[in-house]
PDB file of N, CA and C in Angstrom:
ATOM      1  N   MET A   1       1.130  -1.272  -0.005  1.00  0.00           N
ATOM      2  CA  MET A   1       0.140   0.132   0.131  1.00  0.00           C
ATOM      3  C   MET A   1       1.002   1.116  -0.069  1.00  0.00           C
ATOM      4  N   ASN A   2       0.935   2.332  -0.673  1.00  0.00           N
ATOM      5  CA  ASN A   2       1.578   3.169  -0.979  1.00  0.00           C
ATOM      6  C   ASN A   2       0.714   4.336  -0.370  1.00  0.00           C
ATOM      7  N   LEU A   3       1.312   5.295   0.899  1.00  0.00           N
ATOM      8  CA  LEU A   3       0.832   5.877   1.018  1.00  0.00           C
ATOM      9  C   LEU A   3       1.321   7.360   0.797  1.00  0.00           C
ATOM     10  N   PRO A   4       1.102   8.460   0.564  1.00  0.00           N
ATOM     11  CA  PRO A   4       1.838   9.680   0.468  1.00  0.00           C
ATOM     12  C   PRO A   4       2.466  10.030   1.503  1.00  0.00           C
ATOM     13  N   ILE A   5       2.797   9.678   2.505  1.00  0.00           N
ATOM     14  CA  ILE A   5       3.267   9.690   4.343  1.00  0.00           C
ATOM     15  C   ILE A   5       3.499   8.496   4.576  1.00  0.00           C
ATOM     16  N   ARG A   6       4.767   8.336   4.953  1.00  0.00           N
ATOM     17  CA  ARG A   6       5.214   6.853   5.368  1.00  0.00           C
ATOM     18  C   ARG A   6       4.879   7.241   6.855  1.00  0.00           C
ATOM     19  N   LEU A   7       4.560   6.195   7.715  1.00  0.00           N
ATOM     20  CA  LEU A   7       4.137   5.751   8.693  1.00  0.00           C
ATOM     21  C   LEU A   7       5.252   5.737   9.519  1.00  0.00           C
ATOM     22  N   PHE A   8       5.704   5.714  10.331  1.00  0.00           N
ATOM     23  CA  PHE A   8       6.164   5.009  11.733  1.00  0.00           C
ATOM     24  C   PHE A   8       6.994   3.509  11.368  1.00  0.00           C
ATOM     25  N   THR A   9       8.178   3.558  10.050  1.00  0.00           N
ATOM     26  CA  THR A   9       8.477   2.521   9.666  1.00  0.00           C
ATOM     27  C   THR A   9       9.886   2.209  10.609  1.00  0.00           C
ATOM     28  N   GLY A  10      10.326   0.952  10.414  1.00  0.00           N
ATOM     29  CA  GLY A  10      12.166   0.096  10.882  1.00  0.00           C
ATOM     30  C   GLY A  10      11.654   0.040  12.537  1.00  0.00           C
ATOM     31  N   ALA A  11      10.887  -0.069  12.911  1.00  0.00           N
ATOM     32  CA  ALA A  11      11.438  -0.121  14.465  1.00  0.00           C
ATOM     33  C   ALA A  11      11.167  -1.650  14.602  1.00  0.00           C
ATOM     34  N   THR A  12      11.444  -1.970  15.934  1.00  0.00           N
ATOM     35  CA  THR A  12      11.060  -2.818  17.383  1.00  0.00           C
ATOM     36  C   THR A  12       9.321  -3.205  17.012  1.00  0.00           C
ATOM     37  N   LEU A  13       8.599  -4.225  17.367  1.00  0.00           N
ATOM     38  CA  LEU A  13       7.027  -4.588  17.912  1.00  0.00           C
ATOM     39  C   LEU A  13       7.189  -3.449  19.283  1.00  0.00           C
ATOM     40  N   LEU A  14       8.627  -3.470  19.960  1.00  0.00           N
ATOM     41  CA  LEU A  14       7.675  -2.618  21.254  1.00  0.00           C
ATOM     42  C   LEU A  14       7.740  -1.246  21.187  1.00  0.00           C
ATOM     43  N   GLU A  15       8.848  -1.228  20.338  1.00  0.00           N
ATOM     44  CA  GLU A  15       8.770   0.319  19.381  1.00  0.00           C
ATOM     45  C   GLU A  15       7.477   1.314  19.510  1.00  0.00           C
ATOM     46  N   TYR A  16       6.965   0.312  18.443  1.00  0.00           N
ATOM     47  CA  TYR A  16       6.028   0.430  17.681  1.00  0.00           C
ATOM     48  C   TYR A  16       5.157   0.481  18.880  1.00  0.00           C
ATOM     49  N   VAL A  17       4.335  -0.435  19.055  1.00  0.00           N
ATOM     50  CA  VAL A  17       3.767  -0.254  20.229  1.00  0.00           C
ATOM     51  C   VAL A  17       3.466   0.972  21.045  1.00  0.00           C
ATOM     52  N   LEU A  18       4.362   1.315  21.967  1.00  0.00           N
ATOM     53  CA  LEU A  18       4.591   2.621  22.578  1.00  0.00           C
ATOM     54  C   LEU A  18       4.532   3.683  21.620  1.00  0.00           C
ATOM     55  N   VAL A  19       5.012   3.883  20.405  1.00  0.00           N
ATOM     56  CA  VAL A  19       4.763   5.284  20.189  1.00  0.00           C
ATOM     57  C   VAL A  19       3.240   5.257  19.466  1.00  0.00           C
ATOM     58  N   TRP A  20       2.382   4.066  19.431  1.00  0.00           N
ATOM     59  CA  TRP A  20       1.234   4.139  19.102  1.00  0.00           C
ATOM     60  C   TRP A  20       0.385   3.965  20.593  1.00  0.00           C
ATOM     61  N   LEU A  21       0.689   3.739  21.610  1.00  0.00           N
ATOM     62  CA  LEU A  21       0.071   3.955  22.436  1.00  0.00           C
ATOM     63  C   LEU A  21       0.090   5.713  23.273  1.00  0.00           C
ATOM     64  N   THR A  22       1.499   6.016  22.226  1.00  0.00           N
ATOM     65  CA  THR A  22       1.821   7.320  23.120  1.00  0.00           C
ATOM     66  C   THR A  22       0.871   8.406  22.089  1.00  0.00           C
ATOM     67  N   ALA A  23       0.675   7.915  21.138  1.00  0.00           N
ATOM     68  CA  ALA A  23      -0.174   8.776  20.388  1.00  0.00           C
ATOM     69  C   ALA A  23      -1.794   8.597  20.137  1.00  0.00           C
ATOM     70  N   ALA A  24      -2.373   7.716  20.525  1.00  0.00           N
ATOM     71  CA  ALA A  24      -3.827   6.894  21.183  1.00  0.00           C
ATOM     72  C   ALA A  24      -3.855   7.941  21.959  1.00  0.00           C
ATOM     73  N   ALA A  25      -2.618   8.050  23.373  1.00  0.00           N
ATOM     74  CA  ALA A  25      -3.604   8.448  24.541  1.00  0.00           C
ATOM     75  C   ALA A  25      -3.247  10.241  24.261  1.00  0.00           C
ATOM     76  N   PHE A  26      -2.127  10.675  23.787  1.00  0.00           N
ATOM     77  CA  PHE A  26      -2.616  12.102  23.038  1.00  0.00           C
ATOM     78  C   PHE A  26      -3.820  12.386  22.103  1.00  0.00           C
ATOM     79  N   LEU A  27      -4.212  11.479  21.486  1.00  0.00           N
ATOM     80  CA  LEU A  27      -5.109  12.319  20.459  1.00  0.00           C
ATOM     81  C   LEU A  27      -6.355  11.900  22.183  1.00  0.00           C
ATOM     82  N   ILE A  28      -6.298  11.342  22.659  1.00  0.00           N
ATOM     83  CA  ILE A  28      -7.933  11.001  23.942  1.00  0.00           C
ATOM     84  C   ILE A  28      -7.848  12.444  24.634  1.00  0.00           C
ATOM     85  N   GLY A  29      -6.545  12.689  24.805  1.00  0.00           N
ATOM     86  CA  GLY A  29      -6.402  13.845  26.003  1.00  0.00           C
ATOM     87  C   GLY A  29      -6.737  15.030  24.718  1.00  0.00           C
ATOM     88  N   ALA A  30      -6.627  15.078  23.369  1.00  0.00           N
ATOM     89  CA  ALA A  30      -7.259  15.921  22.720  1.00  0.00           C
ATOM     90  C   ALA A  30      -8.946  16.180  22.568  1.00  0.00           C
ATOM     91  N   VAL A  31      -9.307  15.156  22.457  1.00  0.00           N
ATOM     92  CA  VAL A  31     -10.408  15.378  22.059  1.00  0.00           C
ATOM     93  C   VAL A  31     -11.588  15.327  23.746  1.00  0.00           C
ATOM     94  N   LEU A  32     -10.382  14.846  25.066  1.00  0.00           N
ATOM     95  CA  LEU A  32     -11.162  15.486  25.690  1.00  0.00           C
ATOM     96  C   LEU A  32     -11.070  17.144  26.300  1.00  0.00           C
ATOM     97  N   ASN A  33     -10.141  17.537  25.664  1.00  0.00           N
ATOM     98  CA  ASN A  33      -9.364  18.941  25.523  1.00  0.00           C
ATOM     99  C   ASN A  33     -10.505  19.331  24.588  1.00  0.00           C
ATOM    100  N   ALA A  34     -10.933  19.256  23.476  1.00  0.00           N
ATOM    101  CA  ALA A  34     -11.594  20.247  22.326  1.00  0.00           C
ATOM    102  C   ALA A  34     -13.089  19.532  22.746  1.00  0.00           C
ATOM    103  N   SER A  35     -13.561  18.838  23.554  1.00  0.00           N
ATOM    104  CA  SER A  35     -15.054  18.938  23.744  1.00  0.00           C
ATOM    105  C   SER A  35     -15.179  20.180  25.053  1.00  0.00           C
ATOM    106  N   GLY A  36     -14.404  20.963  25.190  1.00  0.00           N
ATOM    107  CA  GLY A  36     -14.384  22.353  25.803  1.00  0.00           C
ATOM    108  C   GLY A  36     -15.497  22.055  27.367  1.00  0.00           C
ATOM    109  N   HIS A  37     -15.911  20.974  27.818  1.00  0.00           N
ATOM    110  CA  HIS A  37     -16.897  21.102  29.035  1.00  0.00           C
ATOM    111  C   HIS A  37     -16.402  21.735  29.791  1.00  0.00           C
ATOM    112  N   PRO A  38     -17.758  22.469  31.057  1.00  0.00           N
ATOM    113  CA  PRO A  38     -17.797  23.577  32.140  1.00  0.00           C
ATOM    114  C   PRO A  38     -16.175  23.103  32.477  1.00  0.00           C
ATOM    115  N   GLN A  39     -16.432  21.683  33.308  1.00  0.00           N
ATOM    116  CA  GLN A  39     -15.195  21.192  33.919  1.00  0.00           C
ATOM    117  C   GLN A  39     -13.808  21.259  33.536  1.00  0.00           C
ATOM    118  N   ILE A  40     -13.536  21.093  31.887  1.00  0.00           N
ATOM    119  CA  ILE A  40     -12.130  21.349  31.287  1.00  0.00           C
ATOM    120  C   ILE A  40     -11.790  22.616  31.746  1.00  0.00           C
ATOM    121  N   ARG A  41     -12.874  23.496  30.930  1.00  0.00           N
ATOM    122  CA  ARG A  41     -12.448  24.721  30.844  1.00  0.00           C
ATOM    123  C   ARG A  41     -12.073  25.656  32.761  1.00  0.00           C
ATOM    124  N   ALA A  42     -12.575  25.030  33.564  1.00  0.00           N
ATOM    125  CA  ALA A  42     -12.780  25.258  34.647  1.00  0.00           C
ATOM    126  C   ALA A  42     -11.035  24.992  35.201  1.00  0.00           C
ATOM    127  N   SER A  43     -11.009  23.756  34.855  1.00  0.00           N
ATOM    128  CA  SER A  43      -9.686  23.130  35.122  1.00  0.00           C
ATOM    129  C   SER A  43      -8.046  24.053  34.554  1.00  0.00           C
ATOM    130  N   PHE A  44      -8.282  24.702  33.884  1.00  0.00           N
ATOM    131  CA  PHE A  44      -7.885  25.400  32.819  1.00  0.00           C
ATOM    132  C   PHE A  44      -7.183  26.931  33.257  1.00  0.00           C
ATOM    133  N   VAL A  45      -8.166  27.445  33.232  1.00  0.00           N
ATOM    134  CA  VAL A  45      -8.831  28.587  34.703  1.00  0.00           C
ATOM    135  C   VAL A  45      -7.371  28.435  36.140  1.00  0.00           C
ATOM    136  N   ARG A  46      -7.833  27.442  36.709  1.00  0.00           N
ATOM    137  CA  ARG A  46      -7.591  27.080  38.077  1.00  0.00           C
ATOM    138  C   ARG A  46      -6.685  27.173  37.944  1.00  0.00           C
ATOM    139  N   LEU A  47      -5.092  26.615  36.637  1.00  0.00           N
ATOM    140  CA  LEU A  47      -3.838  26.190  36.413  1.00  0.00           C
ATOM    141  C   LEU A  47      -3.745  27.599  36.120  1.00  0.00           C
ATOM    142  N   GLY A  48      -4.630  28.641  35.786  1.00  0.00           N
ATOM    143  CA  GLY A  48      -3.774  29.719  35.359  1.00  0.00           C
ATOM    144  C   GLY A  48      -3.715  30.723  33.870  1.00  0.00           C
ATOM    145  N   PHE A  49      -4.637  29.821  33.077  1.00  0.00           N
ATOM    146  CA  PHE A  49      -4.856  30.027  31.470  1.00  0.00           C
ATOM    147  C   PHE A  49      -5.964  30.692  31.220  1.00  0.00           C
ATOM    148  N   PRO A  50      -6.220  30.568  30.078  1.00  0.00           N
ATOM    149  CA  PRO A  50      -7.686  31.468  29.913  1.00  0.00           C
ATOM    150  C   PRO A  50      -8.583  30.225  29.443  1.00  0.00           C
ATOM    151  N   PHE A  51     -10.078  30.611  29.429  1.00  0.00           N
ATOM    152  CA  PHE A  51     -11.034  29.216  29.469  1.00  0.00           C
ATOM    153  C   PHE A  51     -10.613  28.402  28.246  1.00  0.00           C
ATOM    154  N   TRP A  52     -10.133  28.955  26.742  1.00  0.00           N
ATOM    155  CA  TRP A  52     -10.180  28.847  25.962  1.00  0.00           C
ATOM    156  C   TRP A  52      -8.770  27.947  25.659  1.00  0.00           C
ATOM    157  N   TRP A  53      -8.000  28.535  26.187  1.00  0.00           N
ATOM    158  CA  TRP A  53      -6.837  27.541  26.124  1.00  0.00           C
ATOM    159  C   TRP A  53      -6.470  25.621  25.786  1.00  0.00           C
ATOM    160  N   CYS A  54      -7.936  25.276  26.322  1.00  0.00           N
ATOM    161  CA  CYS A  54      -8.541  24.280  26.013  1.00  0.00           C
ATOM    162  C   CYS A  54      -8.359  23.688  25.004  1.00  0.00           C
ATOM    163  N   TRP A  55      -8.522  24.477  24.229  1.00  0.00           N
ATOM    164  CA  TRP A  55      -8.673  24.670  22.402  1.00  0.00           C
ATOM    165  C   TRP A  55      -6.616  24.464  21.600  1.00  0.00           C
ATOM    166  N   VAL A  56      -6.475  25.502  22.375  1.00  0.00           N
ATOM    167  CA  VAL A  56      -5.285  24.970  21.935  1.00  0.00           C
ATOM    168  C   VAL A  56      -4.546  24.177  22.454  1.00  0.00           C
ATOM    169  N   THR A  57      -4.703  23.476  23.640  1.00  0.00           N
ATOM    170  CA  THR A  57      -3.966  22.330  24.107  1.00  0.00           C
ATOM    171  C   THR A  57      -4.186  21.144  22.608  1.00  0.00           C
ATOM    172  N   SER A  58      -5.770  21.123  22.983  1.00  0.00           N
ATOM    173  CA  SER A  58      -5.968  20.490  22.265  1.00  0.00           C
ATOM    174  C   SER A  58      -5.213  19.800  20.796  1.00  0.00           C
ATOM    175  N   ALA A  59      -4.939  21.034  19.447  1.00  0.00           N
ATOM    176  CA  ALA A  59      -4.578  21.342  18.740  1.00  0.00           C
ATOM    177  C   ALA A  59      -2.960  20.755  19.115  1.00  0.00           C
ATOM    178  N   LEU A  60      -2.326  21.444  19.708  1.00  0.00           N
ATOM    179  CA  LEU A  60      -1.271  20.931  20.023  1.00  0.00           C
ATOM    180  C   LEU A  60      -1.047  19.256  20.684  1.00  0.00           C
ATOM    181  N   GLU A  61      -1.862  18.737  20.660  1.00  0.00           N
ATOM    182  CA  GLU A  61      -2.201  17.465  20.881  1.00  0.00           C
ATOM    183  C   GLU A  61      -2.463  15.842  19.878  1.00  0.00           C
ATOM    184  N   VAL A  62      -3.363  16.881  18.885  1.00  0.00           N
ATOM    185  CA  VAL A  62      -3.403  16.428  17.610  1.00  0.00           C
ATOM    186  C   VAL A  62      -2.354  16.317  16.959  1.00  0.00           C
ATOM    187  N   VAL A  63      -1.356  17.449  17.020  1.00  0.00           N
ATOM    188  CA  VAL A  63       0.009  17.604  15.814  1.00  0.00           C
ATOM    189  C   VAL A  63       0.512  16.629  16.430  1.00  0.00           C
ATOM    190  N   THR A  64       0.790  16.458  18.392  1.00  0.00           N
ATOM    191  CA  THR A  64       1.756  15.956  18.605  1.00  0.00           C
ATOM    192  C   THR A  64       1.847  14.420  18.212  1.00  0.00           C
ATOM    193  N   ALA A  65       0.440  13.713  18.548  1.00  0.00           N
ATOM    194  CA  ALA A  65       0.124  12.647  17.927  1.00  0.00           C
ATOM    195  C   ALA A  65       0.851  12.319  16.818  1.00  0.00           C
ATOM    196  N   LEU A  66      -0.231  13.033  15.353  1.00  0.00           N
ATOM    197  CA  LEU A  66       0.435  12.924  13.511  1.00  0.00           C
ATOM    198  C   LEU A  66       1.996  12.855  13.787  1.00  0.00           C
ATOM    199  N   LEU A  67       2.696  13.517  14.495  1.00  0.00           N
ATOM    200  CA  LEU A  67       4.048  13.772  14.436  1.00  0.00           C
ATOM    201  C   LEU A  67       4.674  13.059  15.045  1.00  0.00           C
ATOM    202  N   LEU A  68       3.917  11.951  16.343  1.00  0.00           N
ATOM    203  CA  LEU A  68       4.694  10.782  16.444  1.00  0.00           C
ATOM    204  C   LEU A  68       4.485   9.533  15.579  1.00  0.00           C
ATOM    205  N   ILE A  69       3.781   9.347  14.736  1.00  0.00           N
ATOM    206  CA  ILE A  69       3.627   8.149  13.796  1.00  0.00           C
ATOM    207  C   ILE A  69       4.456   8.261  12.807  1.00  0.00           C
ATOM    208  N   THR A  70       4.309   9.515  12.601  1.00  0.00           N
ATOM    209  CA  THR A  70       4.405   9.728  10.660  1.00  0.00           C
ATOM    210  C   THR A  70       6.422   9.803  10.964  1.00  0.00           C
ATOM    211  N   ALA A  71       6.834   8.637   9.830  1.00  0.00           N
ATOM    212  CA  ALA A  71       8.323   8.524   9.749  1.00  0.00           C
ATOM    213  C   ALA A  71       8.956   9.859   9.674  1.00  0.00           C
ATOM    214  N   GLY A  72      10.053   9.673  10.467  1.00  0.00           N
ATOM    215  CA  GLY A  72      11.059  11.316  10.274  1.00  0.00           C
ATOM    216  C   GLY A  72      10.841  12.362  11.020  1.00  0.00           C
ATOM    217  N   THR A  73       9.805  12.472  11.728  1.00  0.00           N
ATOM    218  CA  THR A  73       9.207  13.130  12.743  1.00  0.00           C
ATOM    219  C   THR A  73       8.750  13.113  14.367  1.00  0.00           C
ATOM    220  N   ARG A  74       8.974  11.309  14.232  1.00  0.00           N
ATOM    221  CA  ARG A  74       8.971  11.234  16.004  1.00  0.00           C
ATOM    222  C   ARG A  74       9.868  11.873  16.792  1.00  0.00           C
ATOM    223  N   TYR A  75      10.850  12.066  17.002  1.00  0.00           N
ATOM    224  CA  TYR A  75      11.329  13.228  18.190  1.00  0.00           C
ATOM    225  C   TYR A  75      10.982  14.569  17.953  1.00  0.00           C
ATOM    226  N   ILE A  76      10.247  15.073  17.088  1.00  0.00           N
ATOM    227  CA  ILE A  76       9.689  16.372  16.717  1.00  0.00           C
ATOM    228  C   ILE A  76       8.850  16.235  17.882  1.00  0.00           C
ATOM    229  N   GLY A  77       7.712  15.558  17.183  1.00  0.00           N
ATOM    230  CA  GLY A  77       6.587  15.127  17.797  1.00  0.00           C
ATOM    231  C   GLY A  77       6.781  14.500  19.816  1.00  0.00           C
ATOM    232  N   VAL A  78       7.720  13.582  19.443  1.00  0.00           N
ATOM    233  CA  VAL A  78       8.132  13.681  21.466  1.00  0.00           C
ATOM    234  C   VAL A  78       8.599  14.941  22.355  1.00  0.00           C
ATOM    235  N   GLY A  79       9.506  15.771  21.239  1.00  0.00           N
ATOM    236  CA  GLY A  79       9.894  16.946  22.173  1.00  0.00           C
ATOM    237  C   GLY A  79       8.437  18.011  22.233  1.00  0.00           C
ATOM    238  N   LEU A  80       7.850  18.331  21.205  1.00  0.00           N
ATOM    239  CA  LEU A  80       6.771  18.653  21.717  1.00  0.00           C
ATOM    240  C   LEU A  80       5.175  18.446  22.692  1.00  0.00           C
ATOM    241  N   GLY A  81       5.556  16.797  22.453  1.00  0.00           N
ATOM    242  CA  GLY A  81       4.312  16.483  23.771  1.00  0.00           C
ATOM    243  C   GLY A  81       4.961  16.433  25.436  1.00  0.00           C
ATOM    244  N   ILE A  82       6.637  16.423  25.268  1.00  0.00           N
ATOM    245  CA  ILE A  82       7.260  16.688  26.698  1.00  0.00           C
ATOM    246  C   ILE A  82       7.213  18.324  26.819  1.00  0.00           C
ATOM    247  N   LEU A  83       7.291  19.172  26.206  1.00  0.00           N
ATOM    248  CA  LEU A  83       6.808  20.598  26.287  1.00  0.00           C
ATOM    249  C   LEU A  83       5.695  20.649  26.329  1.00  0.00           C
ATOM    250  N   ILE A  84       4.731  20.194  26.207  1.00  0.00           N
ATOM    251  CA  ILE A  84       3.210  20.076  26.546  1.00  0.00           C
ATOM    252  C   ILE A  84       3.127  19.870  28.280  1.00  0.00           C
ATOM    253  N   MET A  85       3.266  18.718  28.520  1.00  0.00           N
ATOM    254  CA  MET A  85       3.795  17.854  29.587  1.00  0.00           C
ATOM    255  C   MET A  85       4.360  18.861  30.816  1.00  0.00           C
ATOM    256  N   LEU A  86       5.277  19.600  30.378  1.00  0.00           N
ATOM    257  CA  LEU A  86       6.797  19.888  31.274  1.00  0.00           C
ATOM    258  C   LEU A  86       5.259  21.246  31.838  1.00  0.00           C
ATOM    259  N   THR A  87       4.982  21.945  30.994  1.00  0.00           N
ATOM    260  CA  THR A  87       4.144  23.268  31.300  1.00  0.00           C
ATOM    261  C   THR A  87       2.740  22.655  31.792  1.00  0.00           C
ATOM    262  N   ALA A  88       2.067  21.293  31.782  1.00  0.00           N
ATOM    263  CA  ALA A  88       1.060  20.873  32.298  1.00  0.00           C
ATOM    264  C   ALA A  88       1.624  20.769  33.975  1.00  0.00           C
ATOM    265  N   ILE A  89       3.161  20.083  34.340  1.00  0.00           N
ATOM    266  CA  ILE A  89       3.386  19.721  35.557  1.00  0.00           C
ATOM    267  C   ILE A  89       3.884  20.702  36.287  1.00  0.00           C
ATOM    268  N   ALA A  90       4.036  21.517  35.693  1.00  0.00           N
ATOM    269  CA  ALA A  90       4.704  23.146  36.216  1.00  0.00           C
ATOM    270  C   ALA A  90       3.731  23.769  36.750  1.00  0.00           C
ATOM    271  N   SER A  91       2.263  24.260  35.312  1.00  0.00           N
ATOM    272  CA  SER A  91       1.288  24.910  36.061  1.00  0.00           C
ATOM    273  C   SER A  91       0.622  23.532  37.640  1.00  0.00           C
ATOM    274  N   ILE A  92       0.561  22.650  37.666  1.00  0.00           N
ATOM    275  CA  ILE A  92       0.282  22.117  38.802  1.00  0.00           C
ATOM    276  C   ILE A  92       0.702  21.977  40.045  1.00  0.00           C
ATOM    277  N   VAL A  93       2.635  21.953  39.726  1.00  0.00           N
ATOM    278  CA  VAL A  93       3.302  22.438  40.840  1.00  0.00           C
ATOM    279  C   VAL A  93       3.139  23.461  41.568  1.00  0.00           C
ATOM    280  N   ARG A  94       2.814  24.175  40.840  1.00  0.00           N
ATOM    281  CA  ARG A  94       2.413  25.972  41.232  1.00  0.00           C
ATOM    282  C   ARG A  94       0.873  26.051  41.983  1.00  0.00           C
ATOM    283  N   ILE A  95       0.252  25.954  41.332  1.00  0.00           N
ATOM    284  CA  ILE A  95      -0.075  25.659  42.725  1.00  0.00           C
ATOM    285  C   ILE A  95      -1.070  25.080  43.492  1.00  0.00           C
ATOM    286  N   ARG A  96       0.173  23.877  43.541  1.00  0.00           N
ATOM    287  CA  ARG A  96      -0.069  22.928  44.541  1.00  0.00           C
ATOM    288  C   ARG A  96      -1.245  22.056  44.341  1.00  0.00           C
ATOM    289  N   ASN A  97      -1.317  21.792  43.376  1.00  0.00           N
ATOM    290  CA  ASN A  97      -2.445  20.791  43.371  1.00  0.00           C
ATOM    291  C   ASN A  97      -1.815  19.315  42.849  1.00  0.00           C
ATOM    292  N   TYR A  98      -1.408  18.485  43.920  1.00  0.00           N
ATOM    293  CA  TYR A  98      -0.410  17.433  43.247  1.00  0.00           C
ATOM    294  C   TYR A  98      -1.367  16.165  43.059  1.00  0.00           C
ATOM    295  N   ARG A  99      -2.548  16.521  43.191  1.00  0.00           N
ATOM    296  CA  ARG A  99      -3.375  15.879  42.922  1.00  0.00           C
ATOM    297  C   ARG A  99      -3.777  15.352  41.749  1.00  0.00           C
ATOM    298  N   GLU A 100      -3.598  16.415  40.751  1.00  0.00           N
ATOM    299  CA  GLU A 100      -3.587  16.150  39.278  1.00  0.00           C
ATOM    300  C   GLU A 100      -2.423  16.003  38.798  1.00  0.00           C
ATOM    301  N   LEU A 101      -1.496  15.690  39.164  1.00  0.00           N
ATOM    302  CA  LEU A 101      -0.403  15.160  39.169  1.00  0.00           C
ATOM    303  C   LEU A 101       0.433  14.002  37.849  1.00  0.00           C
ATOM    304  N   PRO A 102      -0.783  12.844  38.484  1.00  0.00           N
ATOM    305  CA  PRO A 102      -0.331  11.465  37.773  1.00  0.00           C
ATOM    306  C   PRO A 102      -1.012  11.255  36.222  1.00  0.00           C
ATOM    307  N   PRO A 103      -1.838  12.435  35.648  1.00  0.00           N
ATOM    308  CA  PRO A 103      -1.929  12.079  34.062  1.00  0.00           C
ATOM    309  C   PRO A 103      -0.843  12.693  33.560  1.00  0.00           C
ATOM    310  N   PRO A 104      -0.194  13.994  33.253  1.00  0.00           N
ATOM    311  CA  PRO A 104       0.692  14.519  33.030  1.00  0.00           C
ATOM    312  C   PRO A 104       2.173  13.555  32.582  1.00  0.00           C
ATOM    313  N   MET A 105       2.249  13.249  34.263  1.00  0.00           N
ATOM    314  CA  MET A 105       3.396  11.996  34.380  1.00  0.00           C
ATOM    315  C   MET A 105       3.516  11.118  33.438  1.00  0.00           C
ATOM    316  N   LEU A 106       2.538  10.048  33.817  1.00  0.00           N
ATOM    317  CA  LEU A 106       2.066   9.263  32.752  1.00  0.00           C
ATOM    318  C   LEU A 106       2.244   9.136  31.202  1.00  0.00           C
ATOM    319  N   PHE A 107       1.921  10.763  31.238  1.00  0.00           N
ATOM    320  CA  PHE A 107       2.140  10.958  29.361  1.00  0.00           C
ATOM    321  C   PHE A 107       3.898  11.398  29.256  1.00  0.00           C
ATOM    322  N   LEU A 108       4.323  11.639  30.152  1.00  0.00           N
ATOM    323  CA  LEU A 108       5.943  12.107  29.889  1.00  0.00           C
ATOM    324  C   LEU A 108       6.431  10.812  30.051  1.00  0.00           C
ATOM    325  N   LEU A 109       6.239   9.973  30.572  1.00  0.00           N
ATOM    326  CA  LEU A 109       7.055   9.060  31.170  1.00  0.00           C
ATOM    327  C   LEU A 109       6.837   8.023  29.550  1.00  0.00           C
ATOM    328  N   LEU A 110       5.378   8.049  28.622  1.00  0.00           N
ATOM    329  CA  LEU A 110       5.091   7.465  27.225  1.00  0.00           C
ATOM    330  C   LEU A 110       5.852   7.811  26.721  1.00  0.00           C
ATOM    331  N   LEU A 111       5.858   9.670  26.405  1.00  0.00           N
ATOM    332  CA  LEU A 111       7.052  10.140  25.695  1.00  0.00           C
ATOM    333  C   LEU A 111       8.424   9.796  25.793  1.00  0.00           C
ATOM    334  N   ILE A 112       8.242   9.579  27.114  1.00  0.00           N
ATOM    335  CA  ILE A 112      10.230   9.515  27.677  1.00  0.00           C
ATOM    336  C   ILE A 112      10.493   7.224  26.572  1.00  0.00           C
ATOM    337  N   ALA A 113       9.607   6.610  26.744  1.00  0.00           N
ATOM    338  CA  ALA A 113       9.554   5.471  26.364  1.00  0.00           C
ATOM    339  C   ALA A 113       9.762   5.270  24.999  1.00  0.00           C
ATOM    340  N   ALA A 114       8.650   6.270  23.953  1.00  0.00           N
ATOM    341  CA  ALA A 114       8.734   6.148  22.479  1.00  0.00           C
ATOM    342  C   ALA A 114       9.960   7.031  22.614  1.00  0.00           C
ATOM    343  N   GLY A 115      10.689   8.131  23.078  1.00  0.00           N
ATOM    344  CA  GLY A 115      11.813   8.386  22.325  1.00  0.00           C
ATOM    345  C   GLY A 115      12.971   7.933  22.279  1.00  0.00           C
ATOM    346  N   LEU A 116      12.931   6.822  23.407  1.00  0.00           N
ATOM    347  CA  LEU A 116      14.422   6.300  23.735  1.00  0.00           C
ATOM    348  C   LEU A 116      14.350   5.022  22.648  1.00  0.00           C
ATOM    349  N   GLY A 117      13.735   4.707  22.074  1.00  0.00           N
ATOM    350  CA  GLY A 117      13.336   3.602  20.294  1.00  0.00           C
ATOM    351  C   GLY A 117      14.912   4.326  19.649  1.00  0.00           C
ATOM    352  N   SER A 118      15.274   3.748  18.564  1.00  0.00           N
ATOM    353  CA  SER A 118      16.852   3.611  18.091  1.00  0.00           C
ATOM    354  C   SER A 118      15.950   4.475  16.604  1.00  0.00           C
ATOM    355  N   HIS A 119      14.930   4.661  15.981  1.00  0.00           N
ATOM    356  CA  HIS A 119      14.522   4.789  14.753  1.00  0.00           C
ATOM    357  C   HIS A 119      13.307   6.262  14.663  1.00  0.00           C
ATOM    358  N   ALA A 120      13.623   6.635  13.945  1.00  0.00           N
ATOM    359  CA  ALA A 120      12.977   8.293  14.289  1.00  0.00           C
ATOM    360  C   ALA A 120      11.752   8.132  13.352  1.00  0.00           C
TER     361      ALA A 120
END
C-alpha cells in the first residue's frame, strides 16, 4: 500500500506499540480537551490559563500525535509532547494541586519511552 506519508517504519514491535500507545493517549487527551466541557475549561482557568486554552492544547496534542506516527518526525513529536507535559506539570505544581500530577506524569513517561527507540 503506497501512502503519501510513510508511517512509522523500521522499528521493533515494542517501539511500534509504545509510539502508537503514546499517540493514542494524546488523541484521547485532545478529544477531551476539545470537548470544552465546563469542568475542562474550569481546570484550565484554575491552572492560570484562559478558558479557551483547552482548544489550543487540544490542537497541540493532535499535532503531537501525528508527528509521533509519521516517519522522520517522531523526535519532533516527542519534543512537542514533552513541552506540553512539562508545562502542565509546572502549572499543577505552581498551584500545589498535586492530585492532578499522575496524568501528565504518565504522558511524560510514555513520551520518554517512545523517544528512547533507535528509529525516528
